Amino acid sequence: MDVLYFAWVRERIGLPREKIDTSAATVAELVDELRAREERYAAAFADTSALRVALDQELSDFAAPLAGVREVAFFPPMTGG
């Protein structure tokens, strides 16, 4: 699956996107796998309450299942203006 990182998440990880093979069943399990990779991922996902997630370009939550998902995007909350 494609995993996309935006704003400060991208800055901490150092990549805008990557392809990941995962056995994670939910977004939260994927985040746990990513945190375990390297310190830069652990730093980016240290506080998931400061993150939003979209699955195939639809806002979702960290308990959402990943079955059939092709794209996961992580980004900070947006403010309007």
N, C-alpha and C. Protein backbone atom coordinates (compact mmCIF):
# COMPACT_ATOMS: atom_id res chain seq x y z
N MET A 1 0.84 -1.17 0.00
CA MET A 1 0.00 0.00 0.00
C MET A 1 0.89 1.23 0.00
N ASP A 2 0.36 2.32 -0.52
CA ASP A 2 1.06 3.60 -0.51
C ASP A 2 0.76 4.30 0.81
N VAL A 3 1.81 4.82 1.44
CA VAL A 3 1.64 5.61 2.66
C VAL A 3 2.21 7.00 2.37
N LEU A 4 1.37 8.01 2.58
CA LEU A 4 1.75 9.39 2.31
C LEU A 4 1.86 10.17 3.61
N TYR A 5 2.86 11.06 3.65
CA TYR A 5 3.09 11.89 4.83
C TYR A 5 3.05 13.35 4.42
N PHE A 6 2.36 14.18 5.21
CA PHE A 6 2.22 15.60 4.88
C PHE A 6 2.69 16.47 6.04
N ALA A 7 3.09 17.70 5.69
CA ALA A 7 3.48 18.74 6.65
C ALA A 7 4.61 18.26 7.56
N TRP A 8 4.49 18.48 8.87
CA TRP A 8 5.59 18.13 9.77
C TRP A 8 5.80 16.62 9.88
N VAL A 9 4.81 15.82 9.55
CA VAL A 9 5.00 14.36 9.54
C VAL A 9 6.04 14.01 8.48
N ARG A 10 5.88 14.58 7.30
CA ARG A 10 6.84 14.38 6.21
C ARG A 10 8.23 14.88 6.62
N GLU A 11 8.28 16.02 7.26
CA GLU A 11 9.57 16.59 7.67
C GLU A 11 10.29 15.68 8.66
N ARG A 12 9.57 15.12 9.62
CA ARG A 12 10.20 14.25 10.62
C ARG A 12 10.66 12.93 10.02
N ILE A 13 9.87 12.39 9.11
CA ILE A 13 10.22 11.10 8.52
C ILE A 13 11.22 11.27 7.38
N GLY A 14 11.14 12.39 6.68
CA GLY A 14 12.08 12.66 5.60
C GLY A 14 11.64 12.10 4.25
N LEU A 15 10.40 11.67 4.16
CA LEU A 15 9.86 11.14 2.90
C LEU A 15 8.45 11.67 2.68
N PRO A 16 8.07 11.95 1.44
CA PRO A 16 6.70 12.36 1.18
C PRO A 16 5.76 11.16 1.06
N ARG A 17 6.31 10.00 0.63
CA ARG A 17 5.49 8.79 0.46
C ARG A 17 6.40 7.58 0.36
N GLU A 18 5.83 6.42 0.61
CA GLU A 18 6.55 5.17 0.42
C GLU A 18 5.55 4.03 0.26
N LYS A 19 6.03 2.95 -0.37
CA LYS A 19 5.22 1.73 -0.49
C LYS A 19 5.57 0.84 0.68
N ILE A 20 4.55 0.30 1.33
CA ILE A 20 4.77 -0.53 2.52
C ILE A 20 4.00 -1.84 2.37
N ASP A 21 4.69 -2.92 2.67
CA ASP A 21 4.03 -4.22 2.82
C ASP A 21 3.77 -4.39 4.30
N THR A 22 2.53 -4.61 4.66
CA THR A 22 2.18 -4.69 6.07
C THR A 22 1.21 -5.82 6.33
N SER A 23 1.28 -6.35 7.54
CA SER A 23 0.28 -7.34 7.97
C SER A 23 -0.70 -6.70 8.94
N ALA A 24 -0.59 -5.38 9.12
CA ALA A 24 -1.46 -4.65 10.05
C ALA A 24 -2.92 -4.76 9.60
N ALA A 25 -3.79 -4.98 10.57
CA ALA A 25 -5.22 -5.07 10.28
C ALA A 25 -5.92 -3.72 10.40
N THR A 26 -5.34 -2.81 11.19
CA THR A 26 -5.93 -1.49 11.40
C THR A 26 -4.88 -0.40 11.22
N VAL A 27 -5.33 0.83 11.15
CA VAL A 27 -4.41 1.96 11.07
C VAL A 27 -3.52 1.99 12.31
N ALA A 28 -4.08 1.75 13.48
CA ALA A 28 -3.30 1.77 14.72
C ALA A 28 -2.18 0.73 14.68
N GLU A 29 -2.45 -0.45 14.14
CA GLU A 29 -1.40 -1.47 14.02
C GLU A 29 -0.33 -1.05 13.04
N LEU A 30 -0.73 -0.38 11.95
CA LEU A 30 0.24 0.14 11.00
C LEU A 30 1.14 1.17 11.68
N VAL A 31 0.55 2.06 12.46
CA VAL A 31 1.34 3.06 13.18
C VAL A 31 2.33 2.38 14.12
N ASP A 32 1.91 1.33 14.81
CA ASP A 32 2.82 0.59 15.69
C ASP A 32 3.99 0.01 14.90
N GLU A 33 3.71 -0.55 13.73
CA GLU A 33 4.78 -1.09 12.87
C GLU A 33 5.73 0.02 12.44
N LEU A 34 5.19 1.16 12.05
CA LEU A 34 6.03 2.27 11.62
C LEU A 34 6.88 2.79 12.77
N ARG A 35 6.29 2.95 13.94
CA ARG A 35 7.05 3.43 15.11
C ARG A 35 8.25 2.53 15.40
N ALA A 36 8.08 1.24 15.20
CA ALA A 36 9.14 0.27 15.51
C ALA A 36 10.27 0.28 14.48
N ARG A 37 10.07 0.91 13.34
CA ARG A 37 11.08 0.91 12.27
C ARG A 37 12.35 1.66 12.66
N GLU A 38 12.19 2.92 12.99
CA GLU A 38 13.33 3.81 13.26
C GLU A 38 12.87 4.94 14.17
N GLU A 39 13.82 5.63 14.75
CA GLU A 39 13.51 6.74 15.65
C GLU A 39 12.73 7.85 14.95
N ARG A 40 13.04 8.11 13.69
CA ARG A 40 12.32 9.19 12.99
C ARG A 40 10.82 8.89 12.88
N TYR A 41 10.46 7.62 12.70
CA TYR A 41 9.04 7.25 12.67
C TYR A 41 8.44 7.34 14.07
N ALA A 42 9.20 6.90 15.06
CA ALA A 42 8.72 6.98 16.44
C ALA A 42 8.44 8.44 16.81
N ALA A 43 9.29 9.36 16.37
CA ALA A 43 9.10 10.78 16.65
C ALA A 43 7.86 11.31 15.93
N ALA A 44 7.69 10.92 14.69
CA ALA A 44 6.55 11.41 13.91
C ALA A 44 5.21 10.92 14.45
N PHE A 45 5.20 9.69 15.00
CA PHE A 45 3.96 9.10 15.49
C PHE A 45 3.88 9.03 17.01
N ALA A 46 4.66 9.87 17.68
CA ALA A 46 4.69 9.86 19.14
C ALA A 46 3.33 10.23 19.75
N ASP A 47 2.64 11.17 19.12
CA ASP A 47 1.37 11.64 19.64
C ASP A 47 0.32 11.57 18.53
N THR A 48 -0.37 10.45 18.43
CA THR A 48 -1.34 10.30 17.35
C THR A 48 -2.56 11.21 17.52
N SER A 49 -2.75 11.76 18.71
CA SER A 49 -3.87 12.70 18.87
C SER A 49 -3.62 13.98 18.07
N ALA A 50 -2.37 14.21 17.66
CA ALA A 50 -2.02 15.38 16.87
C ALA A 50 -2.03 15.07 15.37
N LEU A 51 -2.56 13.90 15.00
CA LEU A 51 -2.58 13.48 13.60
C LEU A 51 -3.99 13.14 13.13
N ARG A 52 -4.18 13.26 11.86
CA ARG A 52 -5.38 12.78 11.19
C ARG A 52 -4.94 11.75 10.17
N VAL A 53 -5.88 10.91 9.76
CA VAL A 53 -5.57 9.87 8.78
C VAL A 53 -6.68 9.81 7.75
N ALA A 54 -6.30 9.56 6.51
CA ALA A 54 -7.26 9.35 5.43
C ALA A 54 -6.93 8.02 4.76
N LEU A 55 -7.97 7.24 4.49
CA LEU A 55 -7.83 5.98 3.78
C LEU A 55 -8.47 6.14 2.41
N ASP A 56 -7.66 5.93 1.37
CA ASP A 56 -8.13 6.15 0.00
C ASP A 56 -8.85 7.49 -0.13
N GLN A 57 -8.26 8.52 0.45
CA GLN A 57 -8.69 9.91 0.38
C GLN A 57 -10.00 10.20 1.11
N GLU A 58 -10.36 9.35 2.07
CA GLU A 58 -11.53 9.58 2.91
C GLU A 58 -11.07 9.67 4.37
N LEU A 59 -11.44 10.73 5.07
CA LEU A 59 -11.06 10.85 6.48
C LEU A 59 -11.52 9.63 7.25
N SER A 60 -10.67 9.19 8.14
CA SER A 60 -10.97 7.98 8.89
C SER A 60 -10.42 8.13 10.30
N ASP A 61 -10.33 7.01 11.03
CA ASP A 61 -9.73 7.05 12.36
C ASP A 61 -8.75 5.89 12.51
N PHE A 62 -8.04 5.90 13.62
CA PHE A 62 -6.96 4.95 13.81
C PHE A 62 -7.45 3.53 14.09
N ALA A 63 -8.73 3.36 14.38
CA ALA A 63 -9.29 2.02 14.60
C ALA A 63 -9.79 1.40 13.30
N ALA A 64 -9.74 2.15 12.21
CA ALA A 64 -10.29 1.69 10.94
C ALA A 64 -9.51 0.51 10.38
N PRO A 65 -10.21 -0.44 9.77
CA PRO A 65 -9.54 -1.59 9.15
C PRO A 65 -8.83 -1.18 7.87
N LEU A 66 -7.74 -1.90 7.55
CA LEU A 66 -6.96 -1.61 6.35
C LEU A 66 -7.29 -2.54 5.19
N ALA A 67 -8.16 -3.51 5.39
CA ALA A 67 -8.48 -4.48 4.33
C ALA A 67 -8.96 -3.74 3.08
N GLY A 68 -8.31 -3.98 1.96
CA GLY A 68 -8.69 -3.38 0.70
C GLY A 68 -8.22 -1.96 0.48
N VAL A 69 -7.57 -1.37 1.46
CA VAL A 69 -7.10 0.02 1.35
C VAL A 69 -5.84 0.06 0.49
N ARG A 70 -5.79 1.02 -0.44
CA ARG A 70 -4.62 1.17 -1.29
C ARG A 70 -3.72 2.32 -0.86
N GLU A 71 -4.30 3.32 -0.16
CA GLU A 71 -3.53 4.51 0.21
C GLU A 71 -3.90 4.97 1.60
N VAL A 72 -2.88 5.21 2.41
CA VAL A 72 -3.05 5.76 3.76
C VAL A 72 -2.27 7.07 3.80
N ALA A 73 -2.92 8.14 4.26
CA ALA A 73 -2.26 9.44 4.36
C ALA A 73 -2.32 9.93 5.80
N PHE A 74 -1.18 10.40 6.30
CA PHE A 74 -1.10 10.96 7.65
C PHE A 74 -0.78 12.45 7.54
N PHE A 75 -1.50 13.26 8.32
CA PHE A 75 -1.30 14.71 8.26
C PHE A 75 -1.81 15.34 9.56
N PRO A 76 -1.31 16.54 9.88
CA PRO A 76 -1.83 17.24 11.06
C PRO A 76 -3.21 17.80 10.77
N PRO A 77 -3.97 18.12 11.81
CA PRO A 77 -5.29 18.73 11.61
C PRO A 77 -5.15 20.04 10.84
N MET A 78 -6.12 20.31 10.01
CA MET A 78 -6.11 21.54 9.21
C MET A 78 -7.02 22.57 9.87
N THR A 79 -6.67 23.82 9.70
CA THR A 79 -7.54 24.88 10.19
C THR A 79 -8.06 25.65 8.99
N GLY A 80 -9.25 26.13 9.09
CA GLY A 80 -9.84 26.90 7.98
C GLY A 80 -9.43 28.35 8.05
N GLY A 81 -9.71 29.06 7.02
CA GLY A 81 -9.38 30.47 7.06
C GLY A 81 -9.69 31.17 5.78
